[in-house]
Amino acid sequence: AETTGFLFEYEYNLPLIPPMLAAMLATIAEHLLPILILSGLFTRLAAFGIVVMTLVIQIFVYPDAYPTHATWLAVAMLLMYRGAGVFSVDHWLAKR
């Protein structure tokens, strides 16, 4: 959307990456990674993506929002450590 591009260009202002590319990548990640985690497919990889995205937001965009980001990081790192569990596509694929 037009507002997303505006935010990435003027408010978020990430270094080393063009604003429109950052907006596209963030939008895809924000939609795809939670779906993967909820379905239990590539859970550890999706959680790693959430960790990377959260760290970028914490370091470059909103450095004062560490309580929220610490919660996101804790949950994502737990998923990276433990995996999705027995009711997941990952577990079903591992059994096959």
N, C-alpha and C. Protein backbone atom coordinates (compact mmCIF):
# COMPACT_ATOMS: atom_id res chain seq x y z
N ALA A 1 0.84 -1.18 0.00
CA ALA A 1 0.00 0.00 0.00
C ALA A 1 0.89 1.25 0.00
N GLU A 2 0.29 2.33 -0.37
CA GLU A 2 1.01 3.59 -0.45
C GLU A 2 1.51 4.05 0.93
N THR A 3 0.68 3.83 1.96
CA THR A 3 1.08 4.25 3.30
C THR A 3 2.25 3.42 3.83
N THR A 4 2.30 2.15 3.46
CA THR A 4 3.42 1.31 3.88
C THR A 4 4.73 1.83 3.31
N GLY A 5 4.73 2.15 2.04
CA GLY A 5 5.92 2.72 1.41
C GLY A 5 6.33 4.04 2.06
N PHE A 6 5.34 4.87 2.39
CA PHE A 6 5.61 6.14 3.06
C PHE A 6 6.28 5.91 4.42
N LEU A 7 5.74 4.97 5.20
CA LEU A 7 6.31 4.69 6.52
C LEU A 7 7.75 4.20 6.42
N PHE A 8 8.02 3.31 5.47
CA PHE A 8 9.37 2.78 5.33
C PHE A 8 10.34 3.84 4.80
N GLU A 9 9.82 4.79 4.06
CA GLU A 9 10.70 5.82 3.51
C GLU A 9 11.01 6.92 4.51
N TYR A 10 10.00 7.32 5.31
CA TYR A 10 10.18 8.49 6.15
C TYR A 10 10.24 8.20 7.65
N GLU A 11 9.54 7.20 8.14
CA GLU A 11 9.55 6.95 9.58
C GLU A 11 10.55 5.87 9.98
N TYR A 12 10.55 4.74 9.30
CA TYR A 12 11.41 3.63 9.69
C TYR A 12 12.85 3.86 9.27
N ASN A 13 13.06 4.33 8.06
CA ASN A 13 14.37 4.76 7.58
C ASN A 13 15.48 3.74 7.86
N LEU A 14 15.32 2.53 7.35
CA LEU A 14 16.32 1.48 7.55
C LEU A 14 17.57 1.75 6.71
N PRO A 15 18.75 1.47 7.26
CA PRO A 15 19.97 1.66 6.47
C PRO A 15 20.21 0.48 5.53
N LEU A 16 20.95 0.70 4.48
CA LEU A 16 21.45 -0.34 3.57
C LEU A 16 20.41 -1.05 2.73
N ILE A 17 19.17 -0.67 2.79
CA ILE A 17 18.15 -1.34 1.99
C ILE A 17 17.15 -0.29 1.52
N PRO A 18 16.79 -0.32 0.24
CA PRO A 18 15.83 0.65 -0.27
C PRO A 18 14.47 0.52 0.44
N PRO A 19 13.80 1.63 0.69
CA PRO A 19 12.55 1.59 1.45
C PRO A 19 11.47 0.70 0.84
N MET A 20 11.32 0.72 -0.47
CA MET A 20 10.25 -0.10 -1.08
C MET A 20 10.58 -1.59 -0.99
N LEU A 21 11.84 -1.96 -1.12
CA LEU A 21 12.22 -3.36 -0.95
C LEU A 21 12.00 -3.80 0.49
N ALA A 22 12.38 -2.94 1.45
CA ALA A 22 12.16 -3.25 2.86
C ALA A 22 10.68 -3.40 3.16
N ALA A 23 9.86 -2.53 2.59
CA ALA A 23 8.41 -2.61 2.80
C ALA A 23 7.84 -3.91 2.25
N MET A 24 8.28 -4.30 1.07
CA MET A 24 7.79 -5.54 0.46
C MET A 24 8.22 -6.76 1.28
N LEU A 25 9.49 -6.81 1.67
CA LEU A 25 9.99 -7.94 2.45
C LEU A 25 9.31 -8.03 3.81
N ALA A 26 9.14 -6.90 4.47
CA ALA A 26 8.49 -6.90 5.78
C ALA A 26 7.03 -7.32 5.68
N THR A 27 6.35 -6.87 4.65
CA THR A 27 4.94 -7.23 4.48
C THR A 27 4.80 -8.73 4.24
N ILE A 28 5.64 -9.28 3.40
CA ILE A 28 5.60 -10.72 3.15
C ILE A 28 5.90 -11.49 4.42
N ALA A 29 6.95 -11.06 5.14
CA ALA A 29 7.34 -11.76 6.37
C ALA A 29 6.25 -11.67 7.44
N GLU A 30 5.64 -10.51 7.59
CA GLU A 30 4.61 -10.34 8.61
C GLU A 30 3.37 -11.18 8.33
N HIS A 31 3.14 -11.53 7.09
CA HIS A 31 2.00 -12.38 6.76
C HIS A 31 2.36 -13.86 6.70
N LEU A 32 3.49 -14.18 6.12
CA LEU A 32 3.86 -15.57 5.89
C LEU A 32 4.37 -16.27 7.15
N LEU A 33 5.25 -15.63 7.91
CA LEU A 33 5.86 -16.29 9.06
C LEU A 33 4.85 -16.71 10.13
N PRO A 34 3.90 -15.86 10.52
CA PRO A 34 2.90 -16.32 11.49
C PRO A 34 2.04 -17.48 10.98
N ILE A 35 1.74 -17.48 9.68
CA ILE A 35 0.96 -18.59 9.12
C ILE A 35 1.76 -19.89 9.21
N LEU A 36 3.05 -19.82 8.91
CA LEU A 36 3.90 -21.01 9.03
C LEU A 36 3.96 -21.49 10.47
N ILE A 37 4.10 -20.57 11.40
CA ILE A 37 4.16 -20.95 12.82
C ILE A 37 2.84 -21.55 13.28
N LEU A 38 1.74 -20.95 12.92
CA LEU A 38 0.43 -21.47 13.34
C LEU A 38 0.14 -22.85 12.74
N SER A 39 0.59 -23.07 11.52
CA SER A 39 0.35 -24.37 10.90
C SER A 39 1.38 -25.40 11.34
N GLY A 40 2.48 -24.94 11.94
CA GLY A 40 3.51 -25.87 12.38
C GLY A 40 4.37 -26.35 11.23
N LEU A 41 4.50 -25.56 10.20
CA LEU A 41 5.31 -25.91 9.04
C LEU A 41 6.55 -25.03 9.02
N PHE A 42 7.73 -25.65 9.00
CA PHE A 42 9.00 -24.92 9.06
C PHE A 42 9.02 -23.96 10.25
N THR A 43 8.58 -24.46 11.39
CA THR A 43 8.40 -23.62 12.57
C THR A 43 9.70 -22.98 13.03
N ARG A 44 10.75 -23.76 13.11
CA ARG A 44 12.02 -23.19 13.59
C ARG A 44 12.55 -22.12 12.63
N LEU A 45 12.42 -22.36 11.36
CA LEU A 45 12.87 -21.38 10.37
C LEU A 45 12.01 -20.11 10.43
N ALA A 46 10.71 -20.28 10.56
CA ALA A 46 9.81 -19.12 10.66
C ALA A 46 10.08 -18.34 11.94
N ALA A 47 10.33 -19.04 13.04
CA ALA A 47 10.64 -18.35 14.29
C ALA A 47 11.96 -17.59 14.17
N PHE A 48 12.93 -18.16 13.46
CA PHE A 48 14.19 -17.45 13.23
C PHE A 48 13.93 -16.16 12.43
N GLY A 49 13.04 -16.22 11.45
CA GLY A 49 12.67 -15.02 10.69
C GLY A 49 12.04 -13.97 11.58
N ILE A 50 11.19 -14.39 12.52
CA ILE A 50 10.58 -13.46 13.47
C ILE A 50 11.66 -12.82 14.35
N VAL A 51 12.64 -13.63 14.78
CA VAL A 51 13.74 -13.10 15.61
C VAL A 51 14.52 -12.03 14.84
N VAL A 52 14.86 -12.33 13.59
CA VAL A 52 15.62 -11.36 12.79
C VAL A 52 14.81 -10.08 12.59
N MET A 53 13.55 -10.23 12.24
CA MET A 53 12.71 -9.06 12.01
C MET A 53 12.56 -8.24 13.30
N THR A 54 12.38 -8.91 14.43
CA THR A 54 12.23 -8.22 15.70
C THR A 54 13.51 -7.48 16.07
N LEU A 55 14.66 -8.10 15.84
CA LEU A 55 15.92 -7.42 16.14
C LEU A 55 16.14 -6.20 15.26
N VAL A 56 15.77 -6.28 14.00
CA VAL A 56 15.89 -5.13 13.10
C VAL A 56 14.99 -4.00 13.59
N ILE A 57 13.77 -4.33 13.97
CA ILE A 57 12.85 -3.31 14.48
C ILE A 57 13.40 -2.69 15.76
N GLN A 58 13.90 -3.54 16.67
CA GLN A 58 14.42 -3.05 17.94
C GLN A 58 15.64 -2.15 17.75
N ILE A 59 16.55 -2.55 16.89
CA ILE A 59 17.80 -1.81 16.74
C ILE A 59 17.63 -0.54 15.91
N PHE A 60 16.90 -0.64 14.80
CA PHE A 60 16.87 0.48 13.85
C PHE A 60 15.61 1.33 13.88
N VAL A 61 14.49 0.79 14.34
CA VAL A 61 13.23 1.52 14.20
C VAL A 61 12.72 2.05 15.53
N TYR A 62 12.48 1.16 16.49
CA TYR A 62 11.92 1.55 17.79
C TYR A 62 12.79 1.03 18.92
N PRO A 63 13.92 1.66 19.19
CA PRO A 63 14.82 1.15 20.22
C PRO A 63 14.26 1.25 21.65
N ASP A 64 13.25 2.05 21.87
CA ASP A 64 12.67 2.18 23.20
C ASP A 64 11.57 1.15 23.48
N ALA A 65 11.25 0.32 22.52
CA ALA A 65 10.16 -0.65 22.68
C ALA A 65 10.67 -2.03 23.11
N TYR A 66 11.73 -2.04 23.90
CA TYR A 66 12.34 -3.31 24.27
C TYR A 66 11.44 -4.24 25.09
N PRO A 67 10.49 -3.76 25.93
CA PRO A 67 9.65 -4.74 26.63
C PRO A 67 8.80 -5.59 25.67
N THR A 68 8.24 -4.94 24.68
CA THR A 68 7.45 -5.68 23.69
C THR A 68 8.33 -6.61 22.88
N HIS A 69 9.45 -6.11 22.43
CA HIS A 69 10.34 -6.92 21.60
C HIS A 69 10.96 -8.07 22.38
N ALA A 70 11.22 -7.87 23.66
CA ALA A 70 11.75 -8.96 24.48
C ALA A 70 10.74 -10.10 24.58
N THR A 71 9.47 -9.77 24.66
CA THR A 71 8.43 -10.80 24.69
C THR A 71 8.40 -11.57 23.37
N TRP A 72 8.41 -10.84 22.26
CA TRP A 72 8.42 -11.49 20.95
C TRP A 72 9.63 -12.39 20.79
N LEU A 73 10.80 -11.89 21.22
CA LEU A 73 12.02 -12.68 21.10
C LEU A 73 11.96 -13.93 21.96
N ALA A 74 11.44 -13.82 23.17
CA ALA A 74 11.36 -14.98 24.06
C ALA A 74 10.49 -16.07 23.46
N VAL A 75 9.34 -15.70 22.93
CA VAL A 75 8.44 -16.69 22.33
C VAL A 75 9.06 -17.31 21.08
N ALA A 76 9.64 -16.48 20.23
CA ALA A 76 10.25 -16.99 18.99
C ALA A 76 11.44 -17.89 19.30
N MET A 77 12.24 -17.52 20.30
CA MET A 77 13.40 -18.36 20.64
C MET A 77 12.97 -19.68 21.28
N LEU A 78 11.87 -19.66 22.02
CA LEU A 78 11.33 -20.91 22.56
C LEU A 78 10.89 -21.83 21.42
N LEU A 79 10.23 -21.26 20.42
CA LEU A 79 9.84 -22.07 19.26
C LEU A 79 11.05 -22.59 18.50
N MET A 80 12.09 -21.79 18.41
CA MET A 80 13.31 -22.26 17.75
C MET A 80 13.94 -23.41 18.53
N TYR A 81 13.89 -23.34 19.84
CA TYR A 81 14.51 -24.36 20.69
C TYR A 81 13.69 -25.65 20.71
N ARG A 82 12.40 -25.53 20.94
CA ARG A 82 11.54 -26.70 21.13
C ARG A 82 10.89 -27.22 19.85
N GLY A 83 10.68 -26.36 18.89
CA GLY A 83 9.95 -26.76 17.70
C GLY A 83 8.46 -26.60 17.91
N ALA A 84 7.70 -27.12 16.98
CA ALA A 84 6.25 -26.88 16.97
C ALA A 84 5.47 -27.80 17.89
N GLY A 85 5.96 -28.97 18.18
CA GLY A 85 5.22 -29.90 19.02
C GLY A 85 4.56 -31.00 18.21
N VAL A 86 3.78 -31.82 18.90
CA VAL A 86 3.23 -33.02 18.26
C VAL A 86 2.05 -32.74 17.34
N PHE A 87 1.38 -31.63 17.52
CA PHE A 87 0.24 -31.30 16.65
C PHE A 87 0.66 -30.31 15.58
N SER A 88 1.63 -30.70 14.78
CA SER A 88 2.14 -29.81 13.76
C SER A 88 2.47 -30.57 12.49
N VAL A 89 2.58 -29.86 11.40
CA VAL A 89 2.98 -30.46 10.13
C VAL A 89 4.44 -30.93 10.22
N ASP A 90 5.27 -30.16 10.91
CA ASP A 90 6.68 -30.56 11.08
C ASP A 90 6.77 -31.93 11.75
N HIS A 91 6.00 -32.15 12.81
CA HIS A 91 6.02 -33.43 13.51
C HIS A 91 5.52 -34.55 12.61
N TRP A 92 4.46 -34.28 11.87
CA TRP A 92 3.91 -35.29 10.97
C TRP A 92 4.92 -35.64 9.88
N LEU A 93 5.60 -34.64 9.33
CA LEU A 93 6.60 -34.90 8.29
C LEU A 93 7.81 -35.65 8.85
N ALA A 94 8.19 -35.35 10.09
CA ALA A 94 9.35 -36.03 10.70
C ALA A 94 9.05 -37.51 10.93
N LYS A 95 7.79 -37.85 11.23
CA LYS A 95 7.42 -39.24 11.45
C LYS A 95 7.42 -40.05 10.15
N ARG A 96 7.22 -39.41 9.03
CA ARG A 96 7.14 -40.10 7.76
C ARG A 96 8.53 -40.29 7.28
